[in-house]
Amino acid sequence: MTDWRWLRRMILRLRTLFQRDRIERELEEEFQFHIEQRTEMEMARGLSRQEARFAALHAMDGMEQHKEECRDMRRVNYIDDLLRDLRYAGRNLRRSPGFATLTIVIMALGIGGNTAVFSLVNQILLHPPGISEPQRVVVVRTKYVKLNLDFELASPTRPCRCTRK
């Protein structure tokens, strides 16, 4: 039998994201219901309406903290924080278009440079080109006149040598 609780949780989280006002109203109504129930219970004990309401609010100390705990249980706060941060960043970038342009150019250069370097490293170090006929590899020879060196890179069939003249 398939466990469908994950689907129900996902639907509730999406509902929380897209119907925020309605969810907040429902949460407020729920807390008001509990306060009213507690007020009636205190009035049944013999307290006046005002004293009973005060006792009910005191019994549910930190009502806003309890609401925040309920919001945390939905596990969508990180998405709200991300959206809030993006809106804040957008407002700040609209205030100073020069800074926004500079930021975008720097990010583009950084991303482009990083992509180019990774592509090069990927091709050379991680996926070196295969040599189908190693006996046909050409020898590269270089002379360093100032150092009086004769340097030769060899193929798999010939060893390297470096001679001083």
N, C-alpha and C. Protein backbone atom coordinates (compact mmCIF):
# COMPACT_ATOMS: atom_id res chain seq x y z
N MET A 1 0.84 -1.18 0.00
CA MET A 1 0.00 0.00 0.00
C MET A 1 0.89 1.24 0.00
N THR A 2 0.60 2.20 -0.84
CA THR A 2 1.41 3.39 -0.99
C THR A 2 1.09 4.39 0.11
N ASP A 3 2.13 5.01 0.64
CA ASP A 3 1.96 6.03 1.67
C ASP A 3 1.80 7.39 0.98
N TRP A 4 0.64 7.99 1.07
CA TRP A 4 0.32 9.23 0.37
C TRP A 4 0.49 10.47 1.26
N ARG A 5 1.06 10.29 2.47
CA ARG A 5 1.22 11.45 3.36
C ARG A 5 2.12 12.51 2.76
N TRP A 6 3.13 12.10 2.00
CA TRP A 6 4.04 13.08 1.40
C TRP A 6 3.29 13.98 0.42
N LEU A 7 2.31 13.40 -0.31
CA LEU A 7 1.52 14.19 -1.25
C LEU A 7 0.65 15.20 -0.50
N ARG A 8 0.04 14.76 0.59
CA ARG A 8 -0.79 15.66 1.39
C ARG A 8 0.06 16.79 1.96
N ARG A 9 1.25 16.47 2.46
CA ARG A 9 2.13 17.52 3.00
C ARG A 9 2.53 18.50 1.91
N MET A 10 2.82 17.99 0.71
CA MET A 10 3.21 18.87 -0.39
C MET A 10 2.07 19.79 -0.78
N ILE A 11 0.86 19.26 -0.83
CA ILE A 11 -0.31 20.08 -1.17
C ILE A 11 -0.51 21.16 -0.11
N LEU A 12 -0.36 20.80 1.16
CA LEU A 12 -0.52 21.79 2.23
C LEU A 12 0.56 22.87 2.15
N ARG A 13 1.78 22.49 1.81
CA ARG A 13 2.86 23.48 1.69
C ARG A 13 2.62 24.42 0.52
N LEU A 14 2.16 23.87 -0.61
CA LEU A 14 1.85 24.72 -1.76
C LEU A 14 0.68 25.65 -1.45
N ARG A 15 -0.29 25.12 -0.74
CA ARG A 15 -1.42 25.96 -0.33
C ARG A 15 -0.93 27.09 0.58
N THR A 16 -0.01 26.80 1.47
CA THR A 16 0.54 27.82 2.35
C THR A 16 1.27 28.89 1.55
N LEU A 17 1.97 28.48 0.50
CA LEU A 17 2.71 29.45 -0.31
C LEU A 17 1.79 30.36 -1.11
N PHE A 18 0.75 29.78 -1.73
CA PHE A 18 -0.05 30.53 -2.67
C PHE A 18 -1.33 31.12 -2.08
N GLN A 19 -1.71 30.69 -0.88
CA GLN A 19 -2.91 31.22 -0.24
C GLN A 19 -2.57 31.73 1.15
N ARG A 20 -1.53 32.51 1.22
CA ARG A 20 -1.00 32.98 2.50
C ARG A 20 -2.04 33.70 3.35
N ASP A 21 -2.79 34.62 2.77
CA ASP A 21 -3.76 35.40 3.54
C ASP A 21 -4.85 34.51 4.13
N ARG A 22 -5.32 33.58 3.34
CA ARG A 22 -6.36 32.68 3.81
C ARG A 22 -5.84 31.80 4.95
N ILE A 23 -4.64 31.29 4.82
CA ILE A 23 -4.04 30.45 5.86
C ILE A 23 -3.85 31.24 7.15
N GLU A 24 -3.40 32.49 7.02
CA GLU A 24 -3.21 33.33 8.21
C GLU A 24 -4.55 33.62 8.90
N ARG A 25 -5.60 33.85 8.10
CA ARG A 25 -6.93 34.06 8.69
C ARG A 25 -7.39 32.82 9.44
N GLU A 26 -7.18 31.65 8.83
CA GLU A 26 -7.58 30.40 9.48
C GLU A 26 -6.81 30.19 10.78
N LEU A 27 -5.53 30.52 10.78
CA LEU A 27 -4.72 30.38 11.99
C LEU A 27 -5.22 31.34 13.07
N GLU A 28 -5.52 32.56 12.69
CA GLU A 28 -6.04 33.54 13.64
C GLU A 28 -7.38 33.08 14.20
N GLU A 29 -8.27 32.57 13.33
CA GLU A 29 -9.57 32.07 13.79
C GLU A 29 -9.40 30.91 14.76
N GLU A 30 -8.45 30.04 14.47
CA GLU A 30 -8.20 28.91 15.36
C GLU A 30 -7.77 29.38 16.76
N PHE A 31 -6.85 30.34 16.79
CA PHE A 31 -6.40 30.84 18.09
C PHE A 31 -7.52 31.58 18.81
N GLN A 32 -8.34 32.34 18.07
CA GLN A 32 -9.47 33.03 18.69
C GLN A 32 -10.46 32.02 19.27
N PHE A 33 -10.67 30.92 18.56
CA PHE A 33 -11.55 29.87 19.06
C PHE A 33 -11.03 29.33 20.40
N HIS A 34 -9.74 29.07 20.47
CA HIS A 34 -9.17 28.53 21.70
C HIS A 34 -9.26 29.55 22.84
N ILE A 35 -9.06 30.81 22.53
CA ILE A 35 -9.18 31.84 23.57
C ILE A 35 -10.62 31.92 24.06
N GLU A 36 -11.58 31.87 23.13
CA GLU A 36 -12.99 31.92 23.53
C GLU A 36 -13.36 30.71 24.37
N GLN A 37 -12.88 29.53 24.00
CA GLN A 37 -13.16 28.32 24.79
C GLN A 37 -12.59 28.45 26.19
N ARG A 38 -11.36 28.94 26.26
CA ARG A 38 -10.72 29.10 27.57
C ARG A 38 -11.43 30.19 28.39
N THR A 39 -11.90 31.25 27.71
CA THR A 39 -12.64 32.31 28.41
C THR A 39 -13.93 31.76 29.00
N GLU A 40 -14.66 30.98 28.22
CA GLU A 40 -15.90 30.37 28.72
C GLU A 40 -15.62 29.44 29.89
N MET A 41 -14.52 28.70 29.82
CA MET A 41 -14.17 27.80 30.92
C MET A 41 -13.87 28.60 32.19
N GLU A 42 -13.16 29.72 32.05
CA GLU A 42 -12.83 30.55 33.21
C GLU A 42 -14.08 31.24 33.75
N MET A 43 -15.01 31.63 32.85
CA MET A 43 -16.26 32.23 33.32
C MET A 43 -17.09 31.21 34.09
N ALA A 44 -17.02 29.94 33.66
CA ALA A 44 -17.75 28.89 34.38
C ALA A 44 -17.17 28.70 35.78
N ARG A 45 -15.93 29.06 35.98
CA ARG A 45 -15.31 28.97 37.31
C ARG A 45 -15.72 30.13 38.22
N GLY A 46 -16.37 31.14 37.60
CA GLY A 46 -16.86 32.24 38.41
C GLY A 46 -16.17 33.57 38.17
N LEU A 47 -15.28 33.67 37.17
CA LEU A 47 -14.62 34.94 36.88
C LEU A 47 -15.52 35.80 35.99
N SER A 48 -15.31 37.12 36.05
CA SER A 48 -16.05 38.02 35.15
C SER A 48 -15.53 37.84 33.73
N ARG A 49 -16.24 38.40 32.75
CA ARG A 49 -15.85 38.24 31.36
C ARG A 49 -14.45 38.80 31.12
N GLN A 50 -14.18 39.98 31.65
CA GLN A 50 -12.87 40.61 31.43
C GLN A 50 -11.76 39.82 32.13
N GLU A 51 -11.99 39.39 33.35
CA GLU A 51 -10.99 38.59 34.07
C GLU A 51 -10.77 37.24 33.39
N ALA A 52 -11.86 36.65 32.89
CA ALA A 52 -11.76 35.35 32.22
C ALA A 52 -10.94 35.48 30.94
N ARG A 53 -11.17 36.57 30.18
CA ARG A 53 -10.40 36.78 28.94
C ARG A 53 -8.93 36.99 29.26
N PHE A 54 -8.66 37.77 30.31
CA PHE A 54 -7.27 38.00 30.72
C PHE A 54 -6.61 36.68 31.14
N ALA A 55 -7.33 35.86 31.88
CA ALA A 55 -6.80 34.57 32.32
C ALA A 55 -6.56 33.65 31.11
N ALA A 56 -7.46 33.70 30.13
CA ALA A 56 -7.30 32.87 28.93
C ALA A 56 -6.07 33.31 28.13
N LEU A 57 -5.89 34.62 27.98
CA LEU A 57 -4.70 35.11 27.26
C LEU A 57 -3.43 34.78 28.03
N HIS A 58 -3.51 34.86 29.36
CA HIS A 58 -2.35 34.53 30.17
C HIS A 58 -2.02 33.03 30.08
N ALA A 59 -3.04 32.20 29.99
CA ALA A 59 -2.83 30.76 29.89
C ALA A 59 -2.18 30.40 28.55
N MET A 60 -2.50 31.19 27.52
CA MET A 60 -1.89 30.95 26.20
C MET A 60 -0.73 31.92 26.01
N ASP A 61 0.12 32.03 27.01
CA ASP A 61 1.19 33.03 26.97
C ASP A 61 2.01 32.91 25.70
N GLY A 62 2.32 34.07 25.14
CA GLY A 62 3.10 34.09 23.92
C GLY A 62 2.33 33.59 22.72
N MET A 63 1.14 34.15 22.50
CA MET A 63 0.30 33.68 21.40
C MET A 63 1.00 33.85 20.05
N GLU A 64 1.70 34.95 19.87
CA GLU A 64 2.43 35.17 18.62
C GLU A 64 3.54 34.13 18.45
N GLN A 65 4.15 33.74 19.55
CA GLN A 65 5.19 32.70 19.47
C GLN A 65 4.58 31.37 19.05
N HIS A 66 3.39 31.08 19.57
CA HIS A 66 2.72 29.84 19.17
C HIS A 66 2.34 29.89 17.69
N LYS A 67 1.91 31.06 17.22
CA LYS A 67 1.59 31.20 15.80
C LYS A 67 2.84 30.97 14.95
N GLU A 68 3.96 31.52 15.40
CA GLU A 68 5.21 31.35 14.66
C GLU A 68 5.63 29.88 14.65
N GLU A 69 5.39 29.17 15.73
CA GLU A 69 5.68 27.72 15.76
C GLU A 69 4.82 26.99 14.73
N CYS A 70 3.55 27.39 14.63
CA CYS A 70 2.67 26.77 13.62
C CYS A 70 3.18 27.04 12.22
N ARG A 71 3.64 28.26 11.99
CA ARG A 71 4.18 28.60 10.66
C ARG A 71 5.45 27.79 10.38
N ASP A 72 6.27 27.62 11.42
CA ASP A 72 7.51 26.84 11.25
C ASP A 72 7.22 25.38 10.94
N MET A 73 6.14 24.86 11.47
CA MET A 73 5.79 23.46 11.23
C MET A 73 5.46 23.20 9.76
N ARG A 74 5.06 24.23 9.04
CA ARG A 74 4.74 24.08 7.62
C ARG A 74 5.98 23.94 6.76
N ARG A 75 7.10 24.36 7.29
CA ARG A 75 8.41 24.25 6.63
C ARG A 75 8.46 24.96 5.27
N VAL A 76 7.90 26.12 5.21
CA VAL A 76 8.00 26.92 3.99
C VAL A 76 8.61 28.29 4.30
N ASN A 77 9.10 28.48 5.51
CA ASN A 77 9.68 29.77 5.88
C ASN A 77 10.91 30.10 5.05
N TYR A 78 11.69 29.10 4.70
CA TYR A 78 12.88 29.37 3.91
C TYR A 78 12.52 29.92 2.53
N ILE A 79 11.41 29.50 1.98
CA ILE A 79 10.97 30.03 0.69
C ILE A 79 10.50 31.48 0.87
N ASP A 80 9.76 31.73 1.96
CA ASP A 80 9.34 33.10 2.25
C ASP A 80 10.54 34.01 2.45
N ASP A 81 11.54 33.53 3.18
CA ASP A 81 12.74 34.33 3.42
C ASP A 81 13.47 34.61 2.11
N LEU A 82 13.55 33.61 1.25
CA LEU A 82 14.21 33.80 -0.05
C LEU A 82 13.48 34.85 -0.88
N LEU A 83 12.16 34.74 -0.95
CA LEU A 83 11.38 35.72 -1.71
C LEU A 83 11.52 37.12 -1.13
N ARG A 84 11.51 37.23 0.18
CA ARG A 84 11.68 38.53 0.84
C ARG A 84 13.06 39.10 0.53
N ASP A 85 14.09 38.26 0.57
CA ASP A 85 15.45 38.72 0.26
C ASP A 85 15.56 39.16 -1.20
N LEU A 86 14.93 38.42 -2.11
CA LEU A 86 14.97 38.79 -3.53
C LEU A 86 14.26 40.12 -3.78
N ARG A 87 13.12 40.33 -3.11
CA ARG A 87 12.43 41.61 -3.25
C ARG A 87 13.28 42.77 -2.72
N TYR A 88 13.93 42.54 -1.60
CA TYR A 88 14.80 43.57 -1.01
C TYR A 88 15.97 43.87 -1.95
N ALA A 89 16.58 42.84 -2.50
CA ALA A 89 17.70 43.03 -3.43
C ALA A 89 17.23 43.77 -4.68
N GLY A 90 16.05 43.42 -5.18
CA GLY A 90 15.51 44.10 -6.35
C GLY A 90 15.25 45.57 -6.09
N ARG A 91 14.70 45.89 -4.92
CA ARG A 91 14.47 47.30 -4.58
C ARG A 91 15.78 48.07 -4.51
N ASN A 92 16.79 47.48 -3.88
CA ASN A 92 18.08 48.16 -3.77
C ASN A 92 18.75 48.33 -5.13
N LEU A 93 18.61 47.35 -6.00
CA LEU A 93 19.22 47.47 -7.33
C LEU A 93 18.49 48.51 -8.19
N ARG A 94 17.18 48.66 -7.99
CA ARG A 94 16.43 49.68 -8.74
C ARG A 94 16.81 51.08 -8.28
N ARG A 95 17.19 51.23 -7.03
CA ARG A 95 17.56 52.56 -6.51
C ARG A 95 18.85 53.07 -7.14
N SER A 96 19.77 52.17 -7.44
CA SER A 96 21.06 52.59 -8.01
C SER A 96 21.34 51.75 -9.26
N PRO A 97 20.90 52.22 -10.41
CA PRO A 97 21.07 51.43 -11.64
C PRO A 97 22.53 51.25 -12.05
N GLY A 98 23.40 52.19 -11.72
CA GLY A 98 24.83 52.02 -12.04
C GLY A 98 25.42 50.85 -11.29
N PHE A 99 25.10 50.77 -10.02
CA PHE A 99 25.58 49.66 -9.21
C PHE A 99 25.00 48.34 -9.72
N ALA A 100 23.73 48.36 -10.13
CA ALA A 100 23.09 47.15 -10.66
C ALA A 100 23.80 46.69 -11.92
N THR A 101 24.10 47.65 -12.81
CA THR A 101 24.80 47.29 -14.05
C THR A 101 26.17 46.72 -13.75
N LEU A 102 26.90 47.36 -12.86
CA LEU A 102 28.23 46.88 -12.48
C LEU A 102 28.14 45.48 -11.87
N THR A 103 27.16 45.27 -11.02
CA THR A 103 26.98 43.95 -10.39
C THR A 103 26.71 42.89 -11.44
N ILE A 104 25.85 43.18 -12.40
CA ILE A 104 25.51 42.21 -13.45
C ILE A 104 26.73 41.91 -14.32
N VAL A 105 27.50 42.95 -14.67
CA VAL A 105 28.69 42.74 -15.49
C VAL A 105 29.72 41.89 -14.75
N ILE A 106 29.94 42.18 -13.48
CA ILE A 106 30.91 41.41 -12.69
C ILE A 106 30.46 39.95 -12.57
N MET A 107 29.18 39.74 -12.32
CA MET A 107 28.67 38.37 -12.23
C MET A 107 28.83 37.64 -13.56
N ALA A 108 28.53 38.33 -14.66
CA ALA A 108 28.65 37.70 -15.98
C ALA A 108 30.09 37.34 -16.28
N LEU A 109 31.02 38.24 -15.96
CA LEU A 109 32.44 37.94 -16.19
C LEU A 109 32.91 36.79 -15.31
N GLY A 110 32.49 36.79 -14.07
CA GLY A 110 32.88 35.70 -13.16
C GLY A 110 32.35 34.36 -13.61
N ILE A 111 31.09 34.33 -13.98
CA ILE A 111 30.49 33.07 -14.43
C ILE A 111 31.11 32.62 -15.75
N GLY A 112 31.33 33.57 -16.67
CA GLY A 112 31.95 33.22 -17.95
C GLY A 112 33.37 32.71 -17.78
N GLY A 113 34.15 33.40 -16.95
CA GLY A 113 35.53 32.95 -16.70
C GLY A 113 35.57 31.58 -16.04
N ASN A 114 34.70 31.39 -15.06
CA ASN A 114 34.65 30.10 -14.39
C ASN A 114 34.26 28.99 -15.36
N THR A 115 33.31 29.25 -16.22
CA THR A 115 32.90 28.26 -17.22
C THR A 115 34.03 27.94 -18.19
N ALA A 116 34.76 28.97 -18.63
CA ALA A 116 35.87 28.75 -19.56
C ALA A 116 36.96 27.91 -18.92
N VAL A 117 37.33 28.25 -17.69
CA VAL A 117 38.40 27.50 -17.01
C VAL A 117 37.96 26.06 -16.77
N PHE A 118 36.71 25.88 -16.32
CA PHE A 118 36.25 24.51 -16.09
C PHE A 118 36.22 23.71 -17.38
N SER A 119 35.79 24.33 -18.47
CA SER A 119 35.76 23.62 -19.76
C SER A 119 37.16 23.18 -20.16
N LEU A 120 38.12 24.05 -19.97
CA LEU A 120 39.51 23.72 -20.30
C LEU A 120 40.02 22.58 -19.42
N VAL A 121 39.82 22.70 -18.12
CA VAL A 121 40.27 21.65 -17.19
C VAL A 121 39.56 20.34 -17.49
N ASN A 122 38.29 20.42 -17.78
CA ASN A 122 37.52 19.21 -18.08
C ASN A 122 38.07 18.50 -19.31
N GLN A 123 38.37 19.25 -20.36
CA GLN A 123 38.86 18.65 -21.59
C GLN A 123 40.30 18.12 -21.44
N ILE A 124 41.13 18.86 -20.73
CA ILE A 124 42.55 18.48 -20.67
C ILE A 124 42.84 17.46 -19.57
N LEU A 125 42.35 17.74 -18.36
CA LEU A 125 42.70 16.87 -17.23
C LEU A 125 41.72 15.73 -16.99
N LEU A 126 40.43 16.04 -17.06
CA LEU A 126 39.44 15.02 -16.71
C LEU A 126 39.12 14.09 -17.88
N HIS A 127 39.14 14.60 -19.09
CA HIS A 127 38.86 13.78 -20.27
C HIS A 127 39.93 14.05 -21.33
N PRO A 128 41.13 13.56 -21.10
CA PRO A 128 42.19 13.83 -22.08
C PRO A 128 41.87 13.16 -23.42
N PRO A 129 42.35 13.78 -24.50
CA PRO A 129 42.06 13.20 -25.81
C PRO A 129 42.76 11.84 -25.96
N GLY A 130 42.04 10.89 -26.50
CA GLY A 130 42.60 9.56 -26.70
C GLY A 130 43.50 9.52 -27.93
N ILE A 131 44.56 8.77 -27.84
CA ILE A 131 45.48 8.64 -28.97
C ILE A 131 45.33 7.22 -29.49
N SER A 132 44.84 7.12 -30.72
CA SER A 132 44.61 5.78 -31.28
C SER A 132 45.90 5.14 -31.76
N GLU A 133 46.85 5.94 -32.29
CA GLU A 133 48.12 5.40 -32.77
C GLU A 133 49.27 6.14 -32.10
N PRO A 134 49.71 5.68 -30.92
CA PRO A 134 50.76 6.40 -30.19
C PRO A 134 52.10 6.43 -30.92
N GLN A 135 52.35 5.51 -31.82
CA GLN A 135 53.63 5.51 -32.52
C GLN A 135 53.74 6.67 -33.50
N ARG A 136 52.63 7.34 -33.79
CA ARG A 136 52.66 8.45 -34.74
C ARG A 136 52.74 9.81 -34.05
N VAL A 137 52.94 9.82 -32.75
CA VAL A 137 53.04 11.09 -32.01
C VAL A 137 54.34 11.77 -32.38
N VAL A 138 54.27 13.07 -32.60
CA VAL A 138 55.43 13.84 -33.05
C VAL A 138 56.26 14.29 -31.84
N VAL A 139 57.57 14.33 -32.02
CA VAL A 139 58.48 14.79 -30.98
C VAL A 139 58.60 16.31 -31.10
N VAL A 140 58.51 16.99 -29.95
CA VAL A 140 58.67 18.44 -29.93
C VAL A 140 60.04 18.74 -29.34
N ARG A 141 60.78 19.57 -30.04
CA ARG A 141 62.13 19.87 -29.60
C ARG A 141 62.27 21.37 -29.46
N THR A 142 62.90 21.80 -28.36
CA THR A 142 63.06 23.22 -28.10
C THR A 142 64.48 23.50 -27.65
N LYS A 143 65.00 24.63 -28.10
CA LYS A 143 66.33 25.06 -27.66
C LYS A 143 66.18 26.33 -26.85
N TYR A 144 66.87 26.34 -25.69
CA TYR A 144 66.95 27.53 -24.86
C TYR A 144 68.37 28.04 -24.97
N VAL A 145 68.58 29.00 -25.83
CA VAL A 145 69.93 29.49 -26.11
C VAL A 145 70.55 30.14 -24.89
N LYS A 146 69.77 30.96 -24.16
CA LYS A 146 70.31 31.67 -23.00
C LYS A 146 70.73 30.71 -21.90
N LEU A 147 70.02 29.61 -21.76
CA LEU A 147 70.36 28.63 -20.73
C LEU A 147 71.25 27.51 -21.26
N ASN A 148 71.49 27.53 -22.56
CA ASN A 148 72.33 26.53 -23.20
C ASN A 148 71.73 25.12 -23.00
N LEU A 149 70.40 25.02 -23.21
CA LEU A 149 69.70 23.74 -23.04
C LEU A 149 69.07 23.32 -24.36
N ASP A 150 69.08 22.02 -24.56
CA ASP A 150 68.40 21.43 -25.70
C ASP A 150 67.38 20.45 -25.11
N PHE A 151 66.09 20.76 -25.24
CA PHE A 151 65.04 19.99 -24.58
C PHE A 151 64.18 19.29 -25.62
N GLU A 152 63.89 18.01 -25.38
CA GLU A 152 63.11 17.24 -26.33
C GLU A 152 62.03 16.46 -25.61
N LEU A 153 60.76 16.64 -26.04
CA LEU A 153 59.65 15.83 -25.53
C LEU A 153 59.48 14.67 -26.48
N ALA A 154 59.39 13.49 -25.94
CA ALA A 154 59.39 12.30 -26.79
C ALA A 154 58.02 11.68 -26.91
N SER A 155 57.91 10.75 -27.81
CA SER A 155 56.70 9.95 -27.98
C SER A 155 56.79 8.75 -27.04
N PRO A 156 55.72 7.94 -26.95
CA PRO A 156 55.78 6.76 -26.09
C PRO A 156 56.89 5.79 -26.47
N THR A 157 57.35 5.84 -27.70
CA THR A 157 58.40 4.91 -28.12
C THR A 157 59.80 5.48 -27.92
N ARG A 158 59.90 6.79 -27.71
CA ARG A 158 61.23 7.43 -27.52
C ARG A 158 61.26 8.11 -26.17
N PRO A 159 62.34 7.99 -25.41
CA PRO A 159 62.44 8.64 -24.10
C PRO A 159 62.69 10.14 -24.24
N CYS A 160 62.43 10.88 -23.13
CA CYS A 160 62.73 12.32 -23.08
C CYS A 160 64.23 12.50 -22.89
N ARG A 161 64.73 13.62 -23.42
CA ARG A 161 66.11 13.90 -23.10
C ARG A 161 66.32 15.40 -23.07
N CYS A 162 67.22 15.75 -22.19
CA CYS A 162 67.56 17.14 -22.02
C CYS A 162 69.08 17.17 -21.94
N THR A 163 69.70 17.89 -22.87
CA THR A 163 71.17 17.90 -22.89
C THR A 163 71.64 19.34 -22.76
N ARG A 164 72.81 19.50 -22.16
CA ARG A 164 73.44 20.80 -22.02
C ARG A 164 74.63 20.84 -22.94
N LYS A 165 74.73 21.87 -23.73
CA LYS A 165 75.84 21.96 -24.68
C LYS A 165 76.91 22.87 -24.18
